[in-house]
Amino acid sequence: MYRLPTDISIITTYRCPMQCMMCNIWKNPTAKAKEITPGELEMLPDFKFVNITGGEPFVREDLEEIIEVMFRKSPRIVISTSGWFDDRVIALARKYPRIGIRISIEGMRDKNDELRGRPGGFDKGVGILRELKAMGLKDIGFGITVSNHNSADMLHLYDLSKELGMEFATAAFHNSFYFHKYDNVITNAAEVTDNFCRLIDAQLKEHSPKSWFRAYFNMGLVNYVNGGRRLLPCEAGSVNCFLDPYGEIYPCNGMEQDKWMLSMGNIRSGKSFEEIWNSPEADEVRRHVASCPKNCWMVGTVSPVMKKNILKPASWVVANKARSLVGLKPVLNAATRKAIENNINHNNGPK
């Protein structure tokens, strides 16, 4: 028998008002009538952490009911949103002041609106965050998906997060069935690496241990951008899972159909979650995870593994926080330095 997952991401819908360059969900929306219902979520077990995502979760007219169900199952829920439906975000936050809100922002005003395909998105997002802070919400912030186009803006957004006193999350764009994208490749790895290293340096100078461990996470993104193997093992489908809008339980949202893509089971099958989690289909998924070639580094699958294997990131954090205190730059770990070197050699090799 496997232990039940501690973390889950619930993809409530593939409907979305944005038209992001790095994601084609908006071209492949779910039919409203086929999406999982709040009642169907009642069969889920308890979790330490729940991420509510999409598409755009606030497209769901019954999102409040979904949150009500999941707050009975978890002490912490964070909604990932574009912030486009500002009135709905504020209304939900008034009813559930413990809710976490993360607005996806891809750069400063011009860059964000270009990459997300909707003018006014930056102002809406920052405006919502300011209002949520004025309301007294604590678990708020924004995140950026770093691509070829916006790593410099990442540093400006970090400064903005410090100014506003909010959380700041990062990701690197990638390909998956979830995004319906297979051409997301960072081609300016040296520039992106340099900007991530600047961010790592700044985070280590903060007074918050959470920021120091985010610096480690961002080192993992440097490693990923340069084609390195994961710094920590992937335990997707063991410590966490994703539930899609049709009720399928997946280990993660990074699978690609031309590599592999398997479901552990469907919550509409009549089986209990425990039966699905311990089924032969779930075992087959875990075998594929163990040999997955993608080396993804996404917060949904990395965060629980960092907590489980805390000594490895902690040793790097202690060493590099000490360097920061005496004015020295952080040192990337050996695996990440090797990945950067290999990537440079590959790009500078014979054409």
Protein backbone atom coordinates (compact mmCIF):
# COMPACT_ATOMS: atom_id res chain seq x y z
CA MET A 1 0.00 0.00 0.00
CA TYR A 2 1.30 3.43 -0.94
CA ARG A 3 0.99 6.43 1.31
CA LEU A 4 -1.57 8.88 -0.01
CA PRO A 5 -0.17 12.02 -1.65
CA THR A 6 0.44 15.12 0.43
CA ASP A 7 -0.09 17.56 -2.47
CA ILE A 8 -2.57 17.79 -5.32
CA SER A 9 -3.12 20.19 -8.20
CA ILE A 10 -6.68 20.30 -9.45
CA ILE A 11 -6.99 21.48 -13.05
CA THR A 12 -10.53 22.79 -12.87
CA THR A 13 -10.87 23.71 -16.56
CA TYR A 14 -9.01 24.18 -19.83
CA ARG A 15 -11.10 27.25 -20.61
CA CYS A 16 -9.07 30.46 -20.47
CA PRO A 17 -9.50 34.10 -21.56
CA MET A 18 -5.76 34.63 -22.10
CA GLN A 19 -3.87 33.87 -25.31
CA CYS A 20 -0.39 33.15 -24.01
CA MET A 21 2.50 32.55 -26.41
CA MET A 22 3.85 29.64 -24.37
CA CYS A 23 0.51 27.87 -23.89
CA ASN A 24 -2.27 26.74 -26.22
CA ILE A 25 -4.81 25.72 -23.59
CA TRP A 26 -7.02 28.56 -24.82
CA LYS A 27 -7.20 26.86 -28.22
CA ASN A 28 -8.26 23.56 -26.63
CA PRO A 29 -10.97 24.39 -24.05
CA THR A 30 -12.96 21.84 -22.12
CA ALA A 31 -16.71 21.61 -22.54
CA LYS A 32 -18.29 23.11 -19.44
CA ALA A 33 -20.71 20.19 -19.05
CA LYS A 34 -17.86 17.64 -18.96
CA GLU A 35 -15.78 19.26 -16.23
CA ILE A 36 -15.47 17.68 -12.78
CA THR A 37 -18.00 18.94 -10.25
CA PRO A 38 -17.59 19.98 -6.60
CA GLY A 39 -19.60 16.92 -5.61
CA GLU A 40 -17.18 14.61 -7.40
CA LEU A 41 -14.28 16.13 -5.45
CA GLU A 42 -15.83 14.90 -2.20
CA MET A 43 -14.19 11.50 -2.76
CA LEU A 44 -10.68 12.95 -2.52
CA PRO A 45 -8.67 12.32 0.66
CA ASP A 46 -7.07 14.97 2.89
CA PHE A 47 -3.96 16.82 1.70
CA LYS A 48 -1.38 19.15 3.17
CA PHE A 49 -1.56 21.44 0.14
CA VAL A 50 -3.99 21.99 -2.72
CA ASN A 51 -3.31 24.04 -5.85
CA ILE A 52 -6.37 25.07 -7.84
CA THR A 53 -5.42 25.83 -11.42
CA GLY A 54 -6.58 25.80 -15.04
CA GLY A 55 -6.91 27.16 -17.70
CA GLU A 56 -8.44 29.94 -15.70
CA PRO A 57 -10.12 28.69 -12.51
CA PHE A 58 -12.25 31.80 -12.18
CA VAL A 59 -14.05 30.85 -15.39
CA ARG A 60 -15.81 28.27 -13.20
CA GLU A 61 -19.08 29.66 -11.87
CA ASP A 62 -18.96 27.04 -9.11
CA LEU A 63 -15.39 27.77 -8.01
CA GLU A 64 -16.60 28.88 -4.59
CA GLU A 65 -18.20 25.45 -4.08
CA ILE A 66 -14.95 23.75 -5.15
CA ILE A 67 -13.03 25.80 -2.59
CA GLU A 68 -15.58 24.95 0.11
CA VAL A 69 -15.10 21.23 -0.54
CA MET A 70 -11.31 21.40 -0.62
CA PHE A 71 -10.96 23.52 2.53
CA ARG A 72 -12.55 20.60 4.36
CA LYS A 73 -9.69 18.46 3.05
CA SER A 74 -6.68 20.77 3.33
CA PRO A 75 -5.51 23.65 5.54
CA ARG A 76 -3.90 25.44 2.60
CA ILE A 77 -5.28 26.17 -0.85
CA VAL A 78 -3.58 28.36 -3.44
CA ILE A 79 -5.33 29.39 -6.66
CA SER A 80 -3.21 30.05 -9.74
CA THR A 81 -4.95 32.64 -11.90
CA SER A 82 -4.42 35.15 -14.68
CA GLY A 83 -6.26 37.72 -12.59
CA TRP A 84 -8.46 38.62 -15.54
CA PHE A 85 -11.67 38.23 -13.53
CA ASP A 86 -10.67 40.71 -10.85
CA ASP A 87 -14.11 41.10 -9.27
CA ARG A 88 -14.44 37.33 -8.85
CA VAL A 89 -11.02 37.06 -7.23
CA ILE A 90 -11.83 39.78 -4.71
CA ALA A 91 -15.26 38.31 -3.92
CA LEU A 92 -13.80 34.85 -3.25
CA ALA A 93 -11.02 36.31 -1.09
CA ARG A 94 -13.58 38.16 1.04
CA LYS A 95 -15.36 34.88 1.75
CA TYR A 96 -12.17 32.83 2.23
CA PRO A 97 -9.48 35.14 3.67
CA ARG A 98 -7.19 32.12 4.22
CA ILE A 99 -7.05 31.47 0.48
CA GLY A 100 -3.76 31.82 -1.37
CA ILE A 101 -3.72 33.71 -4.67
CA ARG A 102 -0.92 33.62 -7.26
CA ILE A 103 -1.28 35.87 -10.28
CA SER A 104 0.61 34.80 -13.40
CA ILE A 105 2.60 37.78 -14.66
CA GLU A 106 5.15 37.29 -17.44
CA GLY A 107 7.03 40.57 -17.20
CA MET A 108 6.53 44.26 -16.68
CA ARG A 109 3.54 45.94 -18.33
CA ASP A 110 4.44 45.83 -22.04
CA LYS A 111 6.18 42.46 -21.92
CA ASN A 112 3.44 40.78 -19.88
CA ASP A 113 0.64 42.00 -22.12
CA GLU A 114 2.58 40.94 -25.21
CA LEU A 115 3.29 37.41 -23.93
CA ARG A 116 -0.15 36.84 -22.42
CA GLY A 117 -2.00 38.22 -25.41
CA ARG A 118 -4.40 40.54 -23.58
CA PRO A 119 -3.76 44.29 -23.13
CA GLY A 120 -4.35 45.44 -19.58
CA GLY A 121 -3.44 42.13 -17.96
CA PHE A 122 -0.49 43.52 -16.01
CA ASP A 123 -2.45 46.38 -14.51
CA LYS A 124 -5.32 44.05 -13.59
CA GLY A 125 -2.98 41.59 -11.92
CA VAL A 126 -1.00 44.09 -9.88
CA GLY A 127 -4.18 45.96 -9.00
CA ILE A 128 -5.77 42.79 -7.60
CA LEU A 129 -2.69 42.01 -5.53
CA ARG A 130 -2.64 45.50 -4.03
CA GLU A 131 -6.32 45.22 -3.12
CA LEU A 132 -5.87 41.75 -1.62
CA LYS A 133 -3.02 43.04 0.52
CA ALA A 134 -5.15 45.97 1.68
CA MET A 135 -7.82 43.41 2.66
CA GLY A 136 -5.29 41.67 4.89
CA LEU A 137 -4.63 38.51 2.87
CA LYS A 138 -1.22 37.01 3.64
CA ASP A 139 -0.72 34.23 1.09
CA ILE A 140 -0.54 36.33 -2.06
CA GLY A 141 1.96 36.96 -4.81
CA PHE A 142 2.76 36.39 -8.44
CA GLY A 143 4.81 34.10 -10.59
CA ILE A 144 6.58 34.19 -13.93
CA THR A 145 7.20 31.49 -16.51
CA VAL A 146 10.65 32.33 -17.86
CA SER A 147 11.14 31.96 -21.60
CA ASN A 148 13.42 33.30 -24.33
CA HIS A 149 11.69 36.65 -24.02
CA ASN A 150 11.43 37.73 -20.41
CA SER A 151 14.29 36.66 -18.11
CA ALA A 152 15.43 40.28 -17.66
CA ASP A 153 11.87 41.25 -16.69
CA MET A 154 12.02 38.48 -14.08
CA LEU A 155 14.48 40.60 -12.11
CA HIS A 156 12.24 43.66 -12.29
CA LEU A 157 9.29 41.56 -11.11
CA TYR A 158 11.34 40.28 -8.21
CA ASP A 159 12.08 43.86 -7.20
CA LEU A 160 8.36 44.64 -7.46
CA SER A 161 7.51 41.67 -5.24
CA LYS A 162 9.93 42.99 -2.61
CA GLU A 163 8.43 46.45 -2.86
CA LEU A 164 4.92 45.05 -2.40
CA GLY A 165 5.95 42.53 0.26
CA MET A 166 4.57 39.56 -1.69
CA GLU A 167 5.55 36.06 -2.73
CA PHE A 168 7.46 35.58 -5.99
CA ALA A 169 7.51 32.25 -7.83
CA THR A 170 9.39 31.15 -10.93
CA ALA A 171 9.12 28.48 -13.59
CA ALA A 172 10.81 27.80 -16.93
CA PHE A 173 8.63 27.17 -19.92
CA HIS A 174 8.44 23.64 -21.20
CA ASN A 175 6.41 21.33 -23.39
CA SER A 176 3.53 19.14 -22.25
CA PHE A 177 0.13 17.74 -23.15
CA TYR A 178 -1.24 20.26 -20.67
CA PHE A 179 -0.05 23.28 -22.63
CA HIS A 180 -0.61 21.67 -26.04
CA LYS A 181 2.87 22.96 -26.88
CA TYR A 182 5.89 21.09 -28.18
CA ASP A 183 8.15 23.92 -29.39
CA ASN A 184 8.91 25.65 -26.07
CA VAL A 185 12.70 25.62 -26.03
CA ILE A 186 14.96 28.18 -24.35
CA THR A 187 17.58 29.05 -26.96
CA ASN A 188 19.31 31.89 -25.09
CA ALA A 189 20.36 29.73 -22.16
CA ALA A 190 23.42 31.83 -21.31
CA GLU A 191 21.35 35.00 -20.87
CA VAL A 192 18.63 33.20 -18.92
CA THR A 193 21.26 31.51 -16.73
CA ASP A 194 22.90 34.84 -15.93
CA ASN A 195 19.59 36.40 -14.93
CA PHE A 196 18.65 33.42 -12.76
CA CYS A 197 22.05 33.65 -11.05
CA ARG A 198 21.36 37.31 -10.29
CA LEU A 199 18.03 36.29 -8.77
CA ILE A 200 19.66 33.52 -6.72
CA ASP A 201 22.21 36.00 -5.36
CA ALA A 202 19.46 38.44 -4.38
CA GLN A 203 17.35 35.76 -2.69
CA LEU A 204 20.27 34.56 -0.59
CA LYS A 205 20.76 38.11 0.67
CA GLU A 206 17.24 38.18 2.08
CA HIS A 207 16.47 37.49 5.74
CA SER A 208 13.85 34.84 4.97
CA PRO A 209 14.82 31.13 4.98
CA LYS A 210 11.98 30.56 2.50
CA SER A 211 13.81 32.81 0.03
CA TRP A 212 17.06 30.91 0.55
CA PHE A 213 15.36 27.65 -0.39
CA ARG A 214 13.76 29.36 -3.37
CA ALA A 215 17.31 30.19 -4.43
CA TYR A 216 18.01 26.44 -4.44
CA PHE A 217 14.85 25.87 -6.49
CA ASN A 218 16.02 28.50 -8.98
CA MET A 219 19.39 26.77 -9.20
CA GLY A 220 17.39 23.73 -10.28
CA LEU A 221 15.83 25.86 -13.03
CA VAL A 222 19.33 26.86 -14.18
CA ASN A 223 20.19 23.17 -14.29
CA TYR A 224 17.00 22.42 -16.26
CA VAL A 225 17.51 25.28 -18.74
CA ASN A 226 20.97 23.90 -19.49
CA GLY A 227 19.77 20.33 -20.03
CA GLY A 228 20.96 18.80 -16.75
CA ARG A 229 19.45 15.86 -14.92
CA ARG A 230 17.15 16.67 -12.00
CA LEU A 231 18.93 17.67 -8.80
CA LEU A 232 16.44 15.58 -6.80
CA PRO A 233 14.54 12.45 -7.79
CA CYS A 234 11.08 12.85 -9.27
CA GLU A 235 8.35 11.30 -7.14
CA ALA A 236 5.37 12.49 -9.15
CA GLY A 237 2.55 10.04 -8.64
CA SER A 238 3.88 9.18 -5.19
CA VAL A 239 3.98 12.37 -3.11
CA ASN A 240 1.77 14.45 -5.39
CA CYS A 241 -0.67 14.18 -8.27
CA PHE A 242 -2.71 16.20 -10.76
CA LEU A 243 -6.43 15.86 -11.33
CA ASP A 244 -7.56 16.99 -14.78
CA PRO A 245 -10.95 18.52 -15.68
CA TYR A 246 -12.26 15.14 -16.84
CA GLY A 247 -11.42 13.37 -13.57
CA GLU A 248 -8.19 11.67 -14.69
CA ILE A 249 -5.46 11.37 -12.05
CA TYR A 250 -2.01 12.03 -13.52
CA PRO A 251 1.38 12.12 -11.79
CA CYS A 252 2.15 15.57 -13.20
CA ASN A 253 1.27 18.00 -15.96
CA GLY A 254 4.58 17.68 -17.79
CA MET A 255 3.95 14.51 -19.77
CA GLU A 256 4.09 14.57 -23.56
CA GLN A 257 2.04 12.19 -25.66
CA ASP A 258 4.93 11.39 -28.01
CA LYS A 259 7.10 10.38 -25.01
CA TRP A 260 4.63 8.90 -22.56
CA MET A 261 1.32 9.81 -21.00
CA LEU A 262 -0.57 7.52 -18.62
CA SER A 263 -3.43 8.03 -16.19
CA MET A 264 -3.53 6.38 -12.79
CA GLY A 265 -7.31 6.15 -13.01
CA ASN A 266 -10.43 8.31 -13.06
CA ILE A 267 -12.39 9.52 -10.04
CA ARG A 268 -15.58 8.86 -12.01
CA SER A 269 -14.77 5.14 -12.28
CA GLY A 270 -16.67 4.18 -9.13
CA LYS A 271 -13.46 3.23 -7.33
CA SER A 272 -12.28 5.00 -4.19
CA PHE A 273 -9.25 7.26 -4.40
CA GLU A 274 -7.30 4.73 -2.33
CA GLU A 275 -8.15 1.96 -4.80
CA ILE A 276 -6.99 4.10 -7.72
CA TRP A 277 -3.81 5.13 -5.88
CA ASN A 278 -2.89 1.48 -5.24
CA SER A 279 -4.05 0.08 -8.59
CA PRO A 280 -1.90 -1.72 -11.18
CA GLU A 281 -2.40 1.33 -13.44
CA ALA A 282 -0.89 3.58 -10.75
CA ASP A 283 2.06 1.21 -10.35
CA GLU A 284 2.67 1.35 -14.10
CA VAL A 285 2.65 5.16 -13.96
CA ARG A 286 5.24 5.14 -11.17
CA ARG A 287 7.49 2.83 -13.21
CA HIS A 288 7.35 5.32 -16.08
CA VAL A 289 8.08 8.23 -13.72
CA ALA A 290 11.21 6.44 -12.52
CA SER A 291 12.57 6.35 -16.08
CA CYS A 292 11.03 9.59 -17.39
CA PRO A 293 13.46 11.36 -19.77
CA LYS A 294 12.17 14.90 -19.25
CA ASN A 295 14.00 16.06 -16.09
CA CYS A 296 11.26 18.63 -15.40
CA TRP A 297 11.76 21.06 -12.53
CA MET A 298 8.36 22.49 -11.58
CA VAL A 299 7.29 23.63 -8.16
CA GLY A 300 4.33 21.23 -8.00
CA THR A 301 6.59 18.18 -8.21
CA VAL A 302 9.78 19.64 -6.71
CA SER A 303 8.45 21.24 -3.53
CA PRO A 304 7.28 18.03 -1.79
CA VAL A 305 10.51 16.26 -2.77
CA MET A 306 12.62 19.12 -1.40
CA LYS A 307 10.80 18.76 1.91
CA LYS A 308 11.26 15.00 1.89
CA ASN A 309 14.98 15.25 1.05
CA ILE A 310 15.64 18.42 3.03
CA LEU A 311 19.30 17.73 3.85
CA LYS A 312 20.48 18.12 0.27
CA PRO A 313 19.00 21.57 -0.40
CA ALA A 314 19.71 22.62 3.20
CA SER A 315 23.44 21.91 2.88
CA TRP A 316 23.63 24.06 -0.25
CA VAL A 317 21.60 26.82 1.41
CA VAL A 318 23.81 26.90 4.53
CA ALA A 319 27.02 27.05 2.50
CA ASN A 320 25.80 29.75 0.16
CA LYS A 321 24.08 31.84 2.81
CA ALA A 322 27.43 31.91 4.59
CA ARG A 323 29.08 33.12 1.38
CA SER A 324 26.42 35.78 1.00
CA LEU A 325 27.04 37.08 4.52
CA VAL A 326 30.68 37.81 3.67
CA GLY A 327 29.87 39.38 0.30
CA LEU A 328 30.67 36.41 -1.93
CA LYS A 329 28.59 35.24 -4.87
CA PRO A 330 26.74 31.93 -4.59
CA VAL A 331 28.30 28.81 -6.06
CA LEU A 332 26.08 26.55 -8.14
CA ASN A 333 26.40 22.88 -7.27
CA ALA A 334 28.65 20.59 -9.29
CA ALA A 335 25.83 19.03 -11.31
CA THR A 336 24.51 22.42 -12.42
CA ARG A 337 27.99 23.73 -13.29
CA LYS A 338 28.53 20.59 -15.37
CA ALA A 339 25.20 21.07 -17.16
CA ILE A 340 26.16 24.67 -18.05
CA GLU A 341 29.58 23.56 -19.29
CA ASN A 342 28.09 20.80 -21.43
CA ASN A 343 25.53 23.19 -22.87
CA ILE A 344 28.22 25.74 -23.76
CA ASN A 345 30.36 23.05 -25.39
CA HIS A 346 27.35 21.77 -27.33
CA ASN A 347 26.44 25.24 -28.61
CA ASN A 348 30.05 26.09 -29.49
CA GLY A 349 30.80 22.77 -31.15
CA PRO A 350 31.05 22.03 -34.89
CA LYS A 351 28.07 23.25 -36.89
